[in-house]
């Protein structure tokens, strides 16, 4: 019996190491390429860099004007994450507690939306009518709307795992509805909020198609547009492109490391109770 458990543990660890390698190796490969000269990469693409060209990062930052793109991406990612955390949590609490008729139907609609493709033409028409195209606040609303369904799903699962005794105690103490949500429920939902924030930031940070559809001005576009400038029609400066990709990936890596503890507990919350 002990031998079977050990075999299972070794197998699981081997799978996890393999999956981790799939994630980490491309980053290490890009880091190695980013430290080469263009000539060295063309001659020895798979060998380790002979001399570290740290200037590639500075050159990539300047050539692609990543400063303004970084600023825009931070605004879109953090703005949409904050908006979705507030709206989805406020919607999830009454749905999870069945505070109104049709709560299950509304929850089912959110779940169905998870599996539906994005309606580009109606969205373009609606945003054009509301004068939200080519505006920062319009793009934040668009990205928040795209991640609303998964956020509601995570928050509802988390709220269902909280004991209802908290609700009853708050009502008996005369705690108001919104005060109870913001003062008691929100602090308890930190793991779920961290999970939703991470998912939304990743989706917003890596968004490539939507900026070209809804943002016409170059000054309003995010980082993905800046990195795309390095892809030429006939030639590509791969070391500079790799340096730009490393610069783009660093904020998400740091965010994940910072929120890792909350993300794991947020994903597993509600898995026992439903």
Protein backbone atom coordinates (compact mmCIF):
# COMPACT_ATOMS: atom_id res chain seq x y z
CA UNK A 1 0.00 0.00 0.00
CA UNK A 2 2.80 2.38 0.94
CA UNK A 3 4.59 1.45 -2.29
CA UNK A 4 1.54 2.40 -4.37
CA UNK A 5 1.27 5.78 -2.63
CA UNK A 6 4.96 6.43 -3.25
CA UNK A 7 4.58 5.49 -6.92
CA UNK A 8 1.58 7.81 -7.29
CA UNK A 9 3.47 10.64 -5.57
CA UNK A 10 6.50 10.17 -7.83
CA UNK A 11 4.27 10.05 -10.93
CA UNK A 12 2.42 13.23 -9.93
CA UNK A 13 5.70 15.05 -9.23
CA UNK A 14 7.09 13.90 -12.58
CA UNK A 15 4.03 15.25 -14.41
CA UNK A 16 4.25 18.55 -12.53
CA UNK A 17 7.96 18.87 -13.37
CA UNK A 18 7.21 18.18 -17.03
CA UNK A 19 4.44 20.80 -17.12
CA UNK A 20 6.68 23.29 -15.30
CA UNK A 21 9.42 22.70 -17.85
CA UNK A 22 6.98 23.41 -20.67
CA UNK A 23 6.21 26.76 -19.03
CA UNK A 24 9.73 27.75 -17.95
CA UNK A 25 11.88 26.57 -20.88
CA UNK A 26 10.40 29.04 -23.44
CA UNK A 27 11.05 31.93 -21.04
CA UNK A 28 14.65 30.80 -20.53
CA UNK A 29 15.04 30.41 -24.29
CA UNK A 30 13.77 33.94 -24.89
CA UNK A 31 16.03 35.26 -22.14
CA UNK A 32 19.04 33.62 -23.79
CA UNK A 33 18.10 35.06 -27.20
CA UNK A 34 17.55 38.52 -25.72
CA UNK A 35 21.16 38.60 -24.48
CA UNK A 36 22.66 37.94 -27.94
CA UNK A 37 23.55 40.21 -30.80
CA UNK A 38 21.59 39.81 -34.01
CA UNK A 39 24.61 38.33 -35.78
CA UNK A 40 25.28 35.85 -32.96
CA UNK A 41 21.66 34.70 -32.98
CA UNK A 42 21.71 34.10 -36.74
CA UNK A 43 24.94 32.09 -36.50
CA UNK A 44 24.30 30.21 -33.24
CA UNK A 45 20.57 30.38 -32.47
CA UNK A 46 20.51 27.52 -29.90
CA UNK A 47 23.80 28.11 -28.08
CA UNK A 48 24.19 30.10 -24.89
CA UNK A 49 24.96 33.79 -25.30
CA UNK A 50 28.72 34.39 -25.36
CA UNK A 51 28.41 37.96 -24.05
CA UNK A 52 25.38 39.40 -22.30
CA UNK A 53 23.91 42.25 -24.35
CA UNK A 54 21.89 43.98 -21.62
CA UNK A 55 21.63 46.99 -23.91
CA UNK A 56 19.03 45.03 -25.94
CA UNK A 57 16.47 45.73 -23.21
CA UNK A 58 17.15 49.47 -23.29
CA UNK A 59 17.09 49.52 -27.08
CA UNK A 60 13.84 47.53 -27.21
CA UNK A 61 12.26 49.89 -24.67
CA UNK A 62 13.24 52.94 -26.70
CA UNK A 63 12.54 51.66 -30.21
CA UNK A 64 9.07 50.33 -29.40
CA UNK A 65 8.24 53.25 -27.09
CA UNK A 66 7.23 50.73 -24.45
CA UNK A 67 6.85 53.41 -21.79
CA UNK A 68 3.48 54.69 -23.05
CA UNK A 69 2.34 51.16 -23.87
CA UNK A 70 3.24 49.97 -20.37
CA UNK A 71 1.25 52.84 -18.91
CA UNK A 72 -1.78 52.01 -21.07
CA UNK A 73 -1.60 48.29 -20.26
CA UNK A 74 -1.44 49.01 -16.52
CA UNK A 75 -4.47 51.28 -16.78
CA UNK A 76 -6.49 48.72 -18.77
CA UNK A 77 -5.47 45.73 -16.62
CA UNK A 78 -5.88 47.34 -13.20
CA UNK A 79 -8.95 49.36 -14.20
CA UNK A 80 -10.83 46.37 -15.60
CA UNK A 81 -9.72 44.15 -12.69
CA UNK A 82 -10.96 46.66 -10.11
CA UNK A 83 -14.24 47.19 -11.95
CA UNK A 84 -14.89 43.48 -12.36
CA UNK A 85 -13.98 42.69 -8.74
CA UNK A 86 -16.52 45.20 -7.43
CA UNK A 87 -19.38 44.46 -9.83
CA UNK A 88 -18.99 40.67 -9.85
CA UNK A 89 -18.72 40.41 -6.06
CA UNK A 90 -21.80 42.59 -5.57
CA UNK A 91 -23.69 40.39 -8.02
CA UNK A 92 -22.37 37.11 -6.63
CA UNK A 93 -23.47 37.60 -3.01
CA UNK A 94 -27.26 37.88 -3.63
CA UNK A 95 -27.05 35.11 -6.26
CA UNK A 96 -25.26 32.74 -3.89
CA UNK A 97 -27.64 33.53 -1.00
CA UNK A 98 -30.79 33.40 -3.22
CA UNK A 99 -31.91 36.87 -2.13
CA UNK A 100 -34.28 37.33 -5.09
CA UNK A 101 -36.43 35.25 -7.39
CA UNK A 102 -34.67 34.12 -10.53
CA UNK A 103 -31.22 34.01 -8.91
CA UNK A 104 -30.59 30.54 -10.31
CA UNK A 105 -31.72 31.65 -13.77
CA UNK A 106 -29.41 34.66 -13.68
CA UNK A 107 -26.54 32.45 -12.53
CA UNK A 108 -27.29 30.02 -15.38
CA UNK A 109 -27.12 32.91 -17.87
CA UNK A 110 -23.67 33.86 -16.57
CA UNK A 111 -22.55 30.24 -16.88
CA UNK A 112 -23.90 29.95 -20.44
CA UNK A 113 -21.98 33.10 -21.36
CA UNK A 114 -18.76 31.29 -20.45
CA UNK A 115 -19.17 29.00 -23.46
CA UNK A 116 -20.40 31.55 -26.01
CA UNK A 117 -17.99 33.20 -28.47
CA UNK A 118 -17.54 36.95 -28.41
CA UNK A 119 -20.04 38.83 -30.56
CA UNK A 120 -17.71 41.24 -32.33
CA UNK A 121 -20.17 42.90 -34.74
CA UNK A 122 -22.91 43.66 -32.14
CA UNK A 123 -20.26 44.85 -29.68
CA UNK A 124 -18.73 47.18 -32.26
CA UNK A 125 -22.20 48.53 -33.10
CA UNK A 126 -23.10 49.09 -29.43
CA UNK A 127 -19.80 50.72 -28.52
CA UNK A 128 -20.02 52.96 -31.56
CA UNK A 129 -23.54 54.07 -30.58
CA UNK A 130 -22.39 54.79 -27.01
CA UNK A 131 -19.27 56.66 -28.25
CA UNK A 132 -16.97 54.24 -26.41
CA UNK A 133 -14.73 53.30 -29.34
CA UNK A 134 -11.20 54.72 -29.17
CA UNK A 135 -11.54 55.69 -25.50
CA UNK A 136 -9.77 54.31 -22.44
CA UNK A 137 -12.90 54.03 -20.32
CA UNK A 138 -14.73 52.27 -23.15
CA UNK A 139 -11.94 49.71 -23.53
CA UNK A 140 -11.88 49.12 -19.76
CA UNK A 141 -15.64 48.47 -19.81
CA UNK A 142 -15.19 46.10 -22.77
CA UNK A 143 -12.50 44.06 -21.02
CA UNK A 144 -14.40 43.97 -17.73
CA UNK A 145 -17.50 42.72 -19.53
CA UNK A 146 -15.51 39.95 -21.15
CA UNK A 147 -14.33 38.56 -17.81
CA UNK A 148 -17.55 39.07 -15.85
CA UNK A 149 -18.90 35.53 -16.23
CA UNK A 150 -15.86 33.70 -14.88
CA UNK A 151 -15.58 36.24 -12.05
CA UNK A 152 -19.21 35.67 -11.01
CA UNK A 153 -18.63 31.90 -11.12
CA UNK A 154 -15.58 32.13 -8.82
CA UNK A 155 -17.25 34.56 -6.41
CA UNK A 156 -20.50 32.59 -6.18
CA UNK A 157 -18.57 29.39 -5.42
CA UNK A 158 -16.60 31.20 -2.74
CA UNK A 159 -19.63 32.84 -1.10
CA UNK A 160 -21.43 29.48 -0.97
CA UNK A 161 -18.53 28.12 1.10
CA UNK A 162 -19.03 30.86 3.73
CA UNK A 163 -21.32 29.95 6.65
CA UNK A 164 -24.75 31.58 6.65
CA UNK A 165 -24.41 32.11 10.40
CA UNK A 166 -22.37 35.21 9.56
CA UNK A 167 -25.36 36.68 7.72
CA UNK A 168 -27.74 36.00 10.59
CA UNK A 169 -25.35 37.42 13.18
CA UNK A 170 -24.91 40.58 11.11
CA UNK A 171 -28.67 41.10 10.72
CA UNK A 172 -29.20 40.63 14.46
CA UNK A 173 -26.52 43.23 15.20
CA UNK A 174 -28.24 45.69 12.88
CA UNK A 175 -25.54 45.67 10.20
CA UNK A 176 -26.77 47.13 6.91
CA UNK A 177 -26.72 45.14 3.67
CA UNK A 178 -23.93 47.00 1.86
CA UNK A 179 -21.99 47.59 5.07
CA UNK A 180 -22.05 43.85 5.69
CA UNK A 181 -20.77 43.15 2.17
CA UNK A 182 -17.97 45.73 2.24
CA UNK A 183 -16.88 45.29 5.88
CA UNK A 184 -17.25 41.53 6.35
CA UNK A 185 -17.70 39.68 3.05
CA UNK A 186 -15.06 41.57 1.06
CA UNK A 187 -12.19 40.84 3.51
CA UNK A 188 -13.17 37.16 3.54
CA UNK A 189 -13.16 37.10 -0.26
CA UNK A 190 -9.50 38.14 -0.62
CA UNK A 191 -8.43 34.78 -2.14
CA UNK A 192 -11.24 34.90 -4.72
CA UNK A 193 -10.56 38.57 -5.48
CA UNK A 194 -6.85 37.78 -5.98
CA UNK A 195 -7.76 34.95 -8.36
CA UNK A 196 -10.14 37.11 -10.40
CA UNK A 197 -7.62 39.96 -10.46
CA UNK A 198 -4.88 37.67 -11.77
CA UNK A 199 -7.09 36.13 -14.45
CA UNK A 200 -8.35 39.52 -15.59
CA UNK A 201 -4.88 41.08 -15.64
CA UNK A 202 -3.52 38.18 -17.73
CA UNK A 203 -6.38 38.45 -20.20
CA UNK A 204 -6.10 42.22 -20.47
CA UNK A 205 -2.29 42.25 -20.61
CA UNK A 206 -2.15 39.68 -23.43
CA UNK A 207 -5.08 41.03 -25.44
CA UNK A 208 -3.97 41.51 -29.05
CA UNK A 209 -7.04 41.61 -31.31
CA UNK A 210 -9.37 43.93 -29.38
CA UNK A 211 -6.98 46.93 -29.30
CA UNK A 212 -6.90 46.93 -33.11
CA UNK A 213 -10.71 46.76 -33.27
CA UNK A 214 -11.65 49.30 -30.61
CA UNK A 215 -8.60 51.59 -30.29
CA UNK A 216 -7.64 53.56 -33.39
CA UNK A 217 -5.04 55.91 -31.92
CA UNK A 218 -1.57 54.52 -31.42
CA UNK A 219 -1.24 56.44 -28.13
CA UNK A 220 -4.12 54.45 -26.60
CA UNK A 221 -2.95 50.95 -27.50
CA UNK A 222 -1.42 48.49 -24.99
CA UNK A 223 1.87 46.58 -24.91
CA UNK A 224 0.91 43.92 -27.43
CA UNK A 225 0.81 46.60 -30.11
CA UNK A 226 4.27 47.86 -29.14
CA UNK A 227 5.81 44.38 -29.32
CA UNK A 228 4.18 43.82 -32.71
CA UNK A 229 6.26 46.72 -34.10
CA UNK A 230 9.33 44.46 -34.01
CA UNK A 231 7.76 42.01 -36.47
CA UNK A 232 8.86 43.37 -39.83
CA UNK A 233 7.61 42.36 -43.26
CA UNK A 234 10.88 40.84 -44.48
CA UNK A 235 13.12 40.59 -41.41
CA UNK A 236 12.83 40.39 -37.62
CA UNK A 237 15.40 41.48 -35.05
CA UNK A 238 14.91 38.47 -32.79
CA UNK A 239 17.12 39.58 -29.87
CA UNK A 240 15.22 42.86 -29.56
CA UNK A 241 11.88 41.06 -29.95
CA UNK A 242 12.88 38.56 -27.25
CA UNK A 243 13.97 41.42 -24.97
CA UNK A 244 10.62 43.13 -25.49
CA UNK A 245 8.75 39.89 -24.70
CA UNK A 246 10.74 39.46 -21.46
CA UNK A 247 9.91 43.04 -20.46
CA UNK A 248 6.22 42.42 -21.16
CA UNK A 249 6.16 39.14 -19.21
CA UNK A 250 7.96 40.41 -16.09
CA UNK A 251 5.00 42.31 -14.52
CA UNK A 252 2.70 39.27 -14.79
CA UNK A 253 5.36 36.97 -13.32
CA UNK A 254 5.86 39.32 -10.38
CA UNK A 255 2.08 39.67 -9.91
CA UNK A 256 1.67 35.89 -9.85
CA UNK A 257 4.47 35.46 -7.31
CA UNK A 258 2.88 38.11 -5.09
CA UNK A 259 -0.66 36.69 -5.31
CA UNK A 260 0.22 32.98 -5.53
CA UNK A 261 -0.92 32.12 -2.00
CA UNK A 262 -4.28 33.81 -2.48
CA UNK A 263 -4.78 32.41 -6.00
CA UNK A 264 -4.40 28.77 -4.92
CA UNK A 265 -6.89 29.13 -2.07
CA UNK A 266 -9.24 31.11 -4.30
CA UNK A 267 -9.32 28.43 -7.00
CA UNK A 268 -9.87 25.61 -4.50
CA UNK A 269 -12.52 27.51 -2.50
CA UNK A 270 -16.02 26.20 -2.92
CA UNK A 271 -14.77 22.84 -4.20
CA UNK A 272 -16.21 21.01 -1.18
CA UNK A 273 -19.38 22.99 -0.65
CA UNK A 274 -21.56 23.93 -3.58
